[in-house]
Amino acid sequence: MPPKREKKKNDWQVYLLRCRDETIYTGVTNDIKKRMTAHQRGTASKYTRSRLPVRLLKVSKFMKKADAMRLEIKIKKLPKKKKIGALD
């Protein structure tokens, strides 16, 4: 088994998903590929589980965990039309 890649402090990203019902889900992760697999399986969050399939819209640049979590909260407070532009 190959050794696990060591996670760095700046490995966190905020991501946006478009759900089947056209809502936008905002999340934070340090492994986008693993997180997307979990979302598609319905095991990542209660919110997306009932709104499958989901489609990845945008992913932020890498940042510290605290910064990513603050950005996630900020985006969640925005109206739907402004969420996508928040990661530009």
PDB file of N, CA and C in Angstrom:
ATOM      1  N   MET A   1       0.851  -1.182   0.000  1.00  0.00           N
ATOM      2  CA  MET A   1       0.000   0.000   0.000  1.00  0.00           C
ATOM      3  C   MET A   1       0.899   1.247   0.000  1.00  0.00           C
ATOM      4  N   PRO A   2       0.651   2.186  -0.927  1.00  0.00           N
ATOM      5  CA  PRO A   2       1.491   3.394  -0.974  1.00  0.00           C
ATOM      6  C   PRO A   2       1.275   4.266   0.250  1.00  0.00           C
ATOM      7  N   PRO A   3       2.315   4.986   0.663  1.00  0.00           N
ATOM      8  CA  PRO A   3       2.148   5.861   1.835  1.00  0.00           C
ATOM      9  C   PRO A   3       1.161   6.975   1.544  1.00  0.00           C
ATOM     10  N   LYS A   4       0.443   7.362   2.572  1.00  0.00           N
ATOM     11  CA  LYS A   4      -0.525   8.450   2.410  1.00  0.00           C
ATOM     12  C   LYS A   4       0.216   9.766   2.243  1.00  0.00           C
ATOM     13  N   ARG A   5      -0.327  10.620   1.413  1.00  0.00           N
ATOM     14  CA  ARG A   5       0.240  11.946   1.210  1.00  0.00           C
ATOM     15  C   ARG A   5      -0.011  12.780   2.460  1.00  0.00           C
ATOM     16  N   GLU A   6       1.014  13.416   2.942  1.00  0.00           N
ATOM     17  CA  GLU A   6       0.859  14.241   4.137  1.00  0.00           C
ATOM     18  C   GLU A   6       0.063  15.493   3.798  1.00  0.00           C
ATOM     19  N   LYS A   7      -0.957  15.754   4.604  1.00  0.00           N
ATOM     20  CA  LYS A   7      -1.787  16.940   4.394  1.00  0.00           C
ATOM     21  C   LYS A   7      -1.049  18.172   4.887  1.00  0.00           C
ATOM     22  N   LYS A   8      -1.193  19.243   4.170  1.00  0.00           N
ATOM     23  CA  LYS A   8      -0.558  20.500   4.543  1.00  0.00           C
ATOM     24  C   LYS A   8      -1.613  21.455   5.084  1.00  0.00           C
ATOM     25  N   LYS A   9      -1.159  22.483   5.777  1.00  0.00           N
ATOM     26  CA  LYS A   9      -2.080  23.469   6.335  1.00  0.00           C
ATOM     27  C   LYS A   9      -2.871  24.182   5.256  1.00  0.00           C
ATOM     28  N   ASN A  10      -2.294  24.334   4.084  1.00  0.00           N
ATOM     29  CA  ASN A  10      -2.941  25.094   3.013  1.00  0.00           C
ATOM     30  C   ASN A  10      -3.610  24.192   1.982  1.00  0.00           C
ATOM     31  N   ASP A  11      -4.086  23.044   2.392  1.00  0.00           N
ATOM     32  CA  ASP A  11      -4.702  22.087   1.468  1.00  0.00           C
ATOM     33  C   ASP A  11      -6.222  22.179   1.402  1.00  0.00           C
ATOM     34  N   TRP A  12      -6.821  23.178   1.993  1.00  0.00           N
ATOM     35  CA  TRP A  12      -8.277  23.247   2.075  1.00  0.00           C
ATOM     36  C   TRP A  12      -8.872  24.070   0.947  1.00  0.00           C
ATOM     37  N   GLN A  13     -10.063  23.659   0.508  1.00  0.00           N
ATOM     38  CA  GLN A  13     -10.772  24.352  -0.563  1.00  0.00           C
ATOM     39  C   GLN A  13     -12.256  24.446  -0.238  1.00  0.00           C
ATOM     40  N   VAL A  14     -12.869  25.487  -0.751  1.00  0.00           N
ATOM     41  CA  VAL A  14     -14.322  25.638  -0.697  1.00  0.00           C
ATOM     42  C   VAL A  14     -14.831  25.224  -2.072  1.00  0.00           C
ATOM     43  N   TYR A  15     -15.955  24.529  -2.112  1.00  0.00           N
ATOM     44  CA  TYR A  15     -16.504  24.086  -3.390  1.00  0.00           C
ATOM     45  C   TYR A  15     -18.007  24.327  -3.437  1.00  0.00           C
ATOM     46  N   LEU A  16     -18.495  24.455  -4.660  1.00  0.00           N
ATOM     47  CA  LEU A  16     -19.925  24.655  -4.893  1.00  0.00           C
ATOM     48  C   LEU A  16     -20.441  23.527  -5.768  1.00  0.00           C
ATOM     49  N   LEU A  17     -21.590  22.988  -5.403  1.00  0.00           N
ATOM     50  CA  LEU A  17     -22.249  21.946  -6.185  1.00  0.00           C
ATOM     51  C   LEU A  17     -23.614  22.432  -6.635  1.00  0.00           C
ATOM     52  N   ARG A  18     -24.017  22.027  -7.819  1.00  0.00           N
ATOM     53  CA  ARG A  18     -25.392  22.254  -8.276  1.00  0.00           C
ATOM     54  C   ARG A  18     -26.126  20.934  -8.069  1.00  0.00           C
ATOM     55  N   CYS A  19     -27.194  20.983  -7.311  1.00  0.00           N
ATOM     56  CA  CYS A  19     -27.996  19.790  -7.030  1.00  0.00           C
ATOM     57  C   CYS A  19     -29.068  19.602  -8.105  1.00  0.00           C
ATOM     58  N   ARG A  20     -29.675  18.439  -8.107  1.00  0.00           N
ATOM     59  CA  ARG A  20     -30.720  18.110  -9.085  1.00  0.00           C
ATOM     60  C   ARG A  20     -31.855  19.121  -9.069  1.00  0.00           C
ATOM     61  N   ASP A  21     -32.180  19.648  -7.889  1.00  0.00           N
ATOM     62  CA  ASP A  21     -33.283  20.607  -7.779  1.00  0.00           C
ATOM     63  C   ASP A  21     -32.844  22.052  -8.035  1.00  0.00           C
ATOM     64  N   GLU A  22     -31.646  22.224  -8.610  1.00  0.00           N
ATOM     65  CA  GLU A  22     -31.082  23.533  -8.983  1.00  0.00           C
ATOM     66  C   GLU A  22     -30.605  24.363  -7.794  1.00  0.00           C
ATOM     67  N   THR A  23     -30.609  23.801  -6.576  1.00  0.00           N
ATOM     68  CA  THR A  23     -30.039  24.516  -5.441  1.00  0.00           C
ATOM     69  C   THR A  23     -28.520  24.405  -5.497  1.00  0.00           C
ATOM     70  N   ILE A  24     -27.851  25.269  -4.751  1.00  0.00           N
ATOM     71  CA  ILE A  24     -26.395  25.249  -4.712  1.00  0.00           C
ATOM     72  C   ILE A  24     -25.949  24.872  -3.308  1.00  0.00           C
ATOM     73  N   TYR A  25     -25.095  23.871  -3.232  1.00  0.00           N
ATOM     74  CA  TYR A  25     -24.529  23.407  -1.973  1.00  0.00           C
ATOM     75  C   TYR A  25     -23.108  23.932  -1.856  1.00  0.00           C
ATOM     76  N   THR A  26     -22.748  24.449  -0.696  1.00  0.00           N
ATOM     77  CA  THR A  26     -21.407  24.955  -0.437  1.00  0.00           C
ATOM     78  C   THR A  26     -20.756  24.083   0.618  1.00  0.00           C
ATOM     79  N   GLY A  27     -19.519  23.662   0.362  1.00  0.00           N
ATOM     80  CA  GLY A  27     -18.813  22.816   1.323  1.00  0.00           C
ATOM     81  C   GLY A  27     -17.334  23.131   1.375  1.00  0.00           C
ATOM     82  N   VAL A  28     -16.652  22.487   2.316  1.00  0.00           N
ATOM     83  CA  VAL A  28     -15.208  22.641   2.517  1.00  0.00           C
ATOM     84  C   VAL A  28     -14.588  21.256   2.549  1.00  0.00           C
ATOM     85  N   THR A  29     -13.417  21.115   1.949  1.00  0.00           N
ATOM     86  CA  THR A  29     -12.735  19.823   1.954  1.00  0.00           C
ATOM     87  C   THR A  29     -11.230  20.001   1.788  1.00  0.00           C
ATOM     88  N   ASN A  30     -10.495  18.968   2.153  1.00  0.00           N
ATOM     89  CA  ASN A  30      -9.069  18.949   1.867  1.00  0.00           C
ATOM     90  C   ASN A  30      -8.749  17.833   0.869  1.00  0.00           C
ATOM     91  N   ASP A  31      -9.801  17.238   0.285  1.00  0.00           N
ATOM     92  CA  ASP A  31      -9.639  16.207  -0.744  1.00  0.00           C
ATOM     93  C   ASP A  31     -10.892  16.219  -1.623  1.00  0.00           C
ATOM     94  N   ILE A  32     -10.896  17.057  -2.639  1.00  0.00           N
ATOM     95  CA  ILE A  32     -12.092  17.269  -3.465  1.00  0.00           C
ATOM     96  C   ILE A  32     -12.533  15.995  -4.179  1.00  0.00           C
ATOM     97  N   LYS A  33     -11.590  15.204  -4.642  1.00  0.00           N
ATOM     98  CA  LYS A  33     -11.941  13.975  -5.360  1.00  0.00           C
ATOM     99  C   LYS A  33     -12.690  13.002  -4.435  1.00  0.00           C
ATOM    100  N   LYS A  34     -12.161  12.807  -3.233  1.00  0.00           N
ATOM    101  CA  LYS A  34     -12.796  11.919  -2.256  1.00  0.00           C
ATOM    102  C   LYS A  34     -14.165  12.467  -1.836  1.00  0.00           C
ATOM    103  N   ARG A  35     -14.256  13.761  -1.655  1.00  0.00           N
ATOM    104  CA  ARG A  35     -15.513  14.379  -1.235  1.00  0.00           C
ATOM    105  C   ARG A  35     -16.587  14.247  -2.318  1.00  0.00           C
ATOM    106  N   MET A  36     -16.203  14.429  -3.580  1.00  0.00           N
ATOM    107  CA  MET A  36     -17.168  14.291  -4.675  1.00  0.00           C
ATOM    108  C   MET A  36     -17.679  12.858  -4.777  1.00  0.00           C
ATOM    109  N   THR A  37     -16.790  11.898  -4.585  1.00  0.00           N
ATOM    110  CA  THR A  37     -17.206  10.493  -4.597  1.00  0.00           C
ATOM    111  C   THR A  37     -18.234  10.245  -3.497  1.00  0.00           C
ATOM    112  N   ALA A  38     -17.975  10.796  -2.314  1.00  0.00           N
ATOM    113  CA  ALA A  38     -18.919  10.631  -1.202  1.00  0.00           C
ATOM    114  C   ALA A  38     -20.259  11.303  -1.509  1.00  0.00           C
ATOM    115  N   HIS A  39     -20.230  12.490  -2.112  1.00  0.00           N
ATOM    116  CA  HIS A  39     -21.488  13.159  -2.471  1.00  0.00           C
ATOM    117  C   HIS A  39     -22.274  12.308  -3.463  1.00  0.00           C
ATOM    118  N   GLN A  40     -21.622  11.803  -4.487  1.00  0.00           N
ATOM    119  CA  GLN A  40     -22.324  11.015  -5.510  1.00  0.00           C
ATOM    120  C   GLN A  40     -22.894   9.712  -4.947  1.00  0.00           C
ATOM    121  N   ARG A  41     -22.268   9.181  -3.920  1.00  0.00           N
ATOM    122  CA  ARG A  41     -22.774   7.972  -3.263  1.00  0.00           C
ATOM    123  C   ARG A  41     -23.896   8.276  -2.274  1.00  0.00           C
ATOM    124  N   GLY A  42     -24.059   9.554  -1.940  1.00  0.00           N
ATOM    125  CA  GLY A  42     -25.087   9.944  -0.986  1.00  0.00           C
ATOM    126  C   GLY A  42     -24.634   9.834   0.455  1.00  0.00           C
ATOM    127  N   THR A  43     -23.311   9.806   0.673  1.00  0.00           N
ATOM    128  CA  THR A  43     -22.790   9.641   2.034  1.00  0.00           C
ATOM    129  C   THR A  43     -22.083  10.891   2.561  1.00  0.00           C
ATOM    130  N   ALA A  44     -22.062  11.969   1.811  1.00  0.00           N
ATOM    131  CA  ALA A  44     -21.317  13.162   2.230  1.00  0.00           C
ATOM    132  C   ALA A  44     -22.143  14.109   3.087  1.00  0.00           C
ATOM    133  N   SER A  45     -23.401  14.287   2.763  1.00  0.00           N
ATOM    134  CA  SER A  45     -24.241  15.201   3.542  1.00  0.00           C
ATOM    135  C   SER A  45     -25.714  14.842   3.367  1.00  0.00           C
ATOM    136  N   LYS A  46     -26.485  15.148   4.393  1.00  0.00           N
ATOM    137  CA  LYS A  46     -27.931  14.908   4.317  1.00  0.00           C
ATOM    138  C   LYS A  46     -28.558  15.750   3.213  1.00  0.00           C
ATOM    139  N   TYR A  47     -28.062  16.981   3.081  1.00  0.00           N
ATOM    140  CA  TYR A  47     -28.644  17.907   2.107  1.00  0.00           C
ATOM    141  C   TYR A  47     -28.540  17.356   0.688  1.00  0.00           C
ATOM    142  N   THR A  48     -27.366  16.913   0.298  1.00  0.00           N
ATOM    143  CA  THR A  48     -27.199  16.461  -1.087  1.00  0.00           C
ATOM    144  C   THR A  48     -27.721  15.047  -1.315  1.00  0.00           C
ATOM    145  N   ARG A  49     -27.826  14.266  -0.260  1.00  0.00           N
ATOM    146  CA  ARG A  49     -28.286  12.877  -0.401  1.00  0.00           C
ATOM    147  C   ARG A  49     -29.622  12.780  -1.114  1.00  0.00           C
ATOM    148  N   SER A  50     -30.526  13.696  -0.806  1.00  0.00           N
ATOM    149  CA  SER A  50     -31.858  13.644  -1.413  1.00  0.00           C
ATOM    150  C   SER A  50     -31.956  14.489  -2.686  1.00  0.00           C
ATOM    151  N   ARG A  51     -30.829  15.042  -3.124  1.00  0.00           N
ATOM    152  CA  ARG A  51     -30.830  15.917  -4.308  1.00  0.00           C
ATOM    153  C   ARG A  51     -29.840  15.447  -5.367  1.00  0.00           C
ATOM    154  N   LEU A  52     -29.588  14.153  -5.408  1.00  0.00           N
ATOM    155  CA  LEU A  52     -28.641  13.599  -6.371  1.00  0.00           C
ATOM    156  C   LEU A  52     -29.251  13.531  -7.754  1.00  0.00           C
ATOM    157  N   PRO A  53     -28.469  13.611  -8.794  1.00  0.00           N
ATOM    158  CA  PRO A  53     -27.018  13.768  -8.780  1.00  0.00           C
ATOM    159  C   PRO A  53     -26.630  15.223  -8.546  1.00  0.00           C
ATOM    160  N   VAL A  54     -25.389  15.409  -8.119  1.00  0.00           N
ATOM    161  CA  VAL A  54     -24.838  16.752  -7.945  1.00  0.00           C
ATOM    162  C   VAL A  54     -23.729  16.959  -8.968  1.00  0.00           C
ATOM    163  N   ARG A  55     -23.495  18.229  -9.306  1.00  0.00           N
ATOM    164  CA  ARG A  55     -22.464  18.557 -10.302  1.00  0.00           C
ATOM    165  C   ARG A  55     -21.559  19.627  -9.700  1.00  0.00           C
ATOM    166  N   LEU A  56     -20.269  19.413  -9.787  1.00  0.00           N
ATOM    167  CA  LEU A  56     -19.309  20.374  -9.277  1.00  0.00           C
ATOM    168  C   LEU A  56     -19.319  21.621 -10.150  1.00  0.00           C
ATOM    169  N   LEU A  57     -19.548  22.775  -9.527  1.00  0.00           N
ATOM    170  CA  LEU A  57     -19.580  24.041 -10.260  1.00  0.00           C
ATOM    171  C   LEU A  57     -18.247  24.773 -10.184  1.00  0.00           C
ATOM    172  N   LYS A  58     -17.725  24.892  -8.978  1.00  0.00           N
ATOM    173  CA  LYS A  58     -16.507  25.670  -8.766  1.00  0.00           C
ATOM    174  C   LYS A  58     -15.756  25.183  -7.552  1.00  0.00           C
ATOM    175  N   VAL A  59     -14.438  25.369  -7.596  1.00  0.00           N
ATOM    176  CA  VAL A  59     -13.573  25.036  -6.474  1.00  0.00           C
ATOM    177  C   VAL A  59     -12.643  26.222  -6.264  1.00  0.00           C
ATOM    178  N   SER A  60     -12.450  26.602  -5.020  1.00  0.00           N
ATOM    179  CA  SER A  60     -11.580  27.734  -4.704  1.00  0.00           C
ATOM    180  C   SER A  60     -10.118  27.336  -4.823  1.00  0.00           C
ATOM    181  N   LYS A  61      -9.267  28.318  -4.688  1.00  0.00           N
ATOM    182  CA  LYS A  61      -7.830  28.051  -4.589  1.00  0.00           C
ATOM    183  C   LYS A  61      -7.583  27.377  -3.236  1.00  0.00           C
ATOM    184  N   PHE A  62      -6.389  26.847  -3.046  1.00  0.00           N
ATOM    185  CA  PHE A  62      -6.030  26.224  -1.772  1.00  0.00           C
ATOM    186  C   PHE A  62      -5.816  27.308  -0.725  1.00  0.00           C
ATOM    187  N   MET A  63      -6.199  26.989   0.519  1.00  0.00           N
ATOM    188  CA  MET A  63      -6.053  27.941   1.618  1.00  0.00           C
ATOM    189  C   MET A  63      -5.993  27.191   2.937  1.00  0.00           C
ATOM    190  N   LYS A  64      -5.763  27.928   4.003  1.00  0.00           N
ATOM    191  CA  LYS A  64      -5.763  27.340   5.342  1.00  0.00           C
ATOM    192  C   LYS A  64      -7.196  26.946   5.709  1.00  0.00           C
ATOM    193  N   LYS A  65      -7.325  25.958   6.589  1.00  0.00           N
ATOM    194  CA  LYS A  65      -8.643  25.457   6.984  1.00  0.00           C
ATOM    195  C   LYS A  65      -9.526  26.567   7.547  1.00  0.00           C
ATOM    196  N   ALA A  66      -8.981  27.385   8.433  1.00  0.00           N
ATOM    197  CA  ALA A  66      -9.782  28.453   9.049  1.00  0.00           C
ATOM    198  C   ALA A  66     -10.288  29.434   7.995  1.00  0.00           C
ATOM    199  N   ASP A  67      -9.443  29.759   7.024  1.00  0.00           N
ATOM    200  CA  ASP A  67      -9.849  30.672   5.950  1.00  0.00           C
ATOM    201  C   ASP A  67     -10.944  30.045   5.095  1.00  0.00           C
ATOM    202  N   ALA A  68     -10.805  28.759   4.807  1.00  0.00           N
ATOM    203  CA  ALA A  68     -11.815  28.058   4.004  1.00  0.00           C
ATOM    204  C   ALA A  68     -13.157  28.025   4.727  1.00  0.00           C
ATOM    205  N   MET A  69     -13.126  27.783   6.007  1.00  0.00           N
ATOM    206  CA  MET A  69     -14.376  27.722   6.772  1.00  0.00           C
ATOM    207  C   MET A  69     -15.042  29.087   6.857  1.00  0.00           C
ATOM    208  N   ARG A  70     -14.243  30.140   6.996  1.00  0.00           N
ATOM    209  CA  ARG A  70     -14.814  31.495   7.009  1.00  0.00           C
ATOM    210  C   ARG A  70     -15.443  31.823   5.651  1.00  0.00           C
ATOM    211  N   LEU A  71     -14.771  31.451   4.571  1.00  0.00           N
ATOM    212  CA  LEU A  71     -15.305  31.703   3.235  1.00  0.00           C
ATOM    213  C   LEU A  71     -16.596  30.913   3.010  1.00  0.00           C
ATOM    214  N   GLU A  72     -16.633  29.672   3.464  1.00  0.00           N
ATOM    215  CA  GLU A  72     -17.843  28.855   3.330  1.00  0.00           C
ATOM    216  C   GLU A  72     -19.032  29.542   4.010  1.00  0.00           C
ATOM    217  N   ILE A  73     -18.831  30.020   5.220  1.00  0.00           N
ATOM    218  CA  ILE A  73     -19.905  30.695   5.954  1.00  0.00           C
ATOM    219  C   ILE A  73     -20.354  31.950   5.211  1.00  0.00           C
ATOM    220  N   LYS A  74     -19.392  32.697   4.702  1.00  0.00           N
ATOM    221  CA  LYS A  74     -19.704  33.925   3.951  1.00  0.00           C
ATOM    222  C   LYS A  74     -20.549  33.604   2.718  1.00  0.00           C
ATOM    223  N   ILE A  75     -20.147  32.577   1.985  1.00  0.00           N
ATOM    224  CA  ILE A  75     -20.870  32.192   0.763  1.00  0.00           C
ATOM    225  C   ILE A  75     -22.275  31.703   1.092  1.00  0.00           C
ATOM    226  N   LYS A  76     -22.421  30.939   2.146  1.00  0.00           N
ATOM    227  CA  LYS A  76     -23.744  30.404   2.517  1.00  0.00           C
ATOM    228  C   LYS A  76     -24.744  31.512   2.829  1.00  0.00           C
ATOM    229  N   LYS A  77     -24.251  32.666   3.228  1.00  0.00           N
ATOM    230  CA  LYS A  77     -25.131  33.797   3.540  1.00  0.00           C
ATOM    231  C   LYS A  77     -25.549  34.584   2.301  1.00  0.00           C
ATOM    232  N   LEU A  78     -24.889  34.337   1.180  1.00  0.00           N
ATOM    233  CA  LEU A  78     -25.181  35.081  -0.047  1.00  0.00           C
ATOM    234  C   LEU A  78     -26.427  34.550  -0.747  1.00  0.00           C
ATOM    235  N   PRO A  79     -27.088  35.408  -1.533  1.00  0.00           N
ATOM    236  CA  PRO A  79     -28.185  34.915  -2.369  1.00  0.00           C
ATOM    237  C   PRO A  79     -27.625  33.993  -3.457  1.00  0.00           C
ATOM    238  N   LYS A  80     -28.438  33.095  -3.941  1.00  0.00           N
ATOM    239  CA  LYS A  80     -28.027  32.084  -4.919  1.00  0.00           C
ATOM    240  C   LYS A  80     -27.267  32.674  -6.104  1.00  0.00           C
ATOM    241  N   LYS A  81     -27.731  33.784  -6.641  1.00  0.00           N
ATOM    242  CA  LYS A  81     -27.121  34.373  -7.836  1.00  0.00           C
ATOM    243  C   LYS A  81     -25.692  34.856  -7.596  1.00  0.00           C
ATOM    244  N   LYS A  82     -25.346  35.156  -6.345  1.00  0.00           N
ATOM    245  CA  LYS A  82     -24.014  35.693  -6.045  1.00  0.00           C
ATOM    246  C   LYS A  82     -23.028  34.637  -5.571  1.00  0.00           C
ATOM    247  N   LYS A  83     -23.496  33.437  -5.274  1.00  0.00           N
ATOM    248  CA  LYS A  83     -22.616  32.403  -4.722  1.00  0.00           C
ATOM    249  C   LYS A  83     -21.508  32.004  -5.699  1.00  0.00           C
ATOM    250  N   ILE A  84     -21.833  31.792  -6.949  1.00  0.00           N
ATOM    251  CA  ILE A  84     -20.839  31.327  -7.913  1.00  0.00           C
ATOM    252  C   ILE A  84     -19.729  32.365  -8.097  1.00  0.00           C
ATOM    253  N   GLY A  85     -20.078  33.624  -8.153  1.00  0.00           N
ATOM    254  CA  GLY A  85     -19.100  34.682  -8.300  1.00  0.00           C
ATOM    255  C   GLY A  85     -18.226  34.881  -7.088  1.00  0.00           C
ATOM    256  N   ALA A  86     -18.612  34.339  -5.952  1.00  0.00           N
ATOM    257  CA  ALA A  86     -17.849  34.521  -4.714  1.00  0.00           C
ATOM    258  C   ALA A  86     -16.525  33.779  -4.752  1.00  0.00           C
ATOM    259  N   LEU A  87     -16.374  32.816  -5.644  1.00  0.00           N
ATOM    260  CA  LEU A  87     -15.121  32.071  -5.729  1.00  0.00           C
ATOM    261  C   LEU A  87     -14.215  32.552  -6.855  1.00  0.00           C
ATOM    262  N   ASP A  88     -14.558  33.658  -7.474  1.00  0.00           N
ATOM    263  CA  ASP A  88     -13.701  34.199  -8.545  1.00  0.00           C
ATOM    264  C   ASP A  88     -12.488  34.889  -7.988  1.00  0.00           C
TER     265      ASP A  88
END
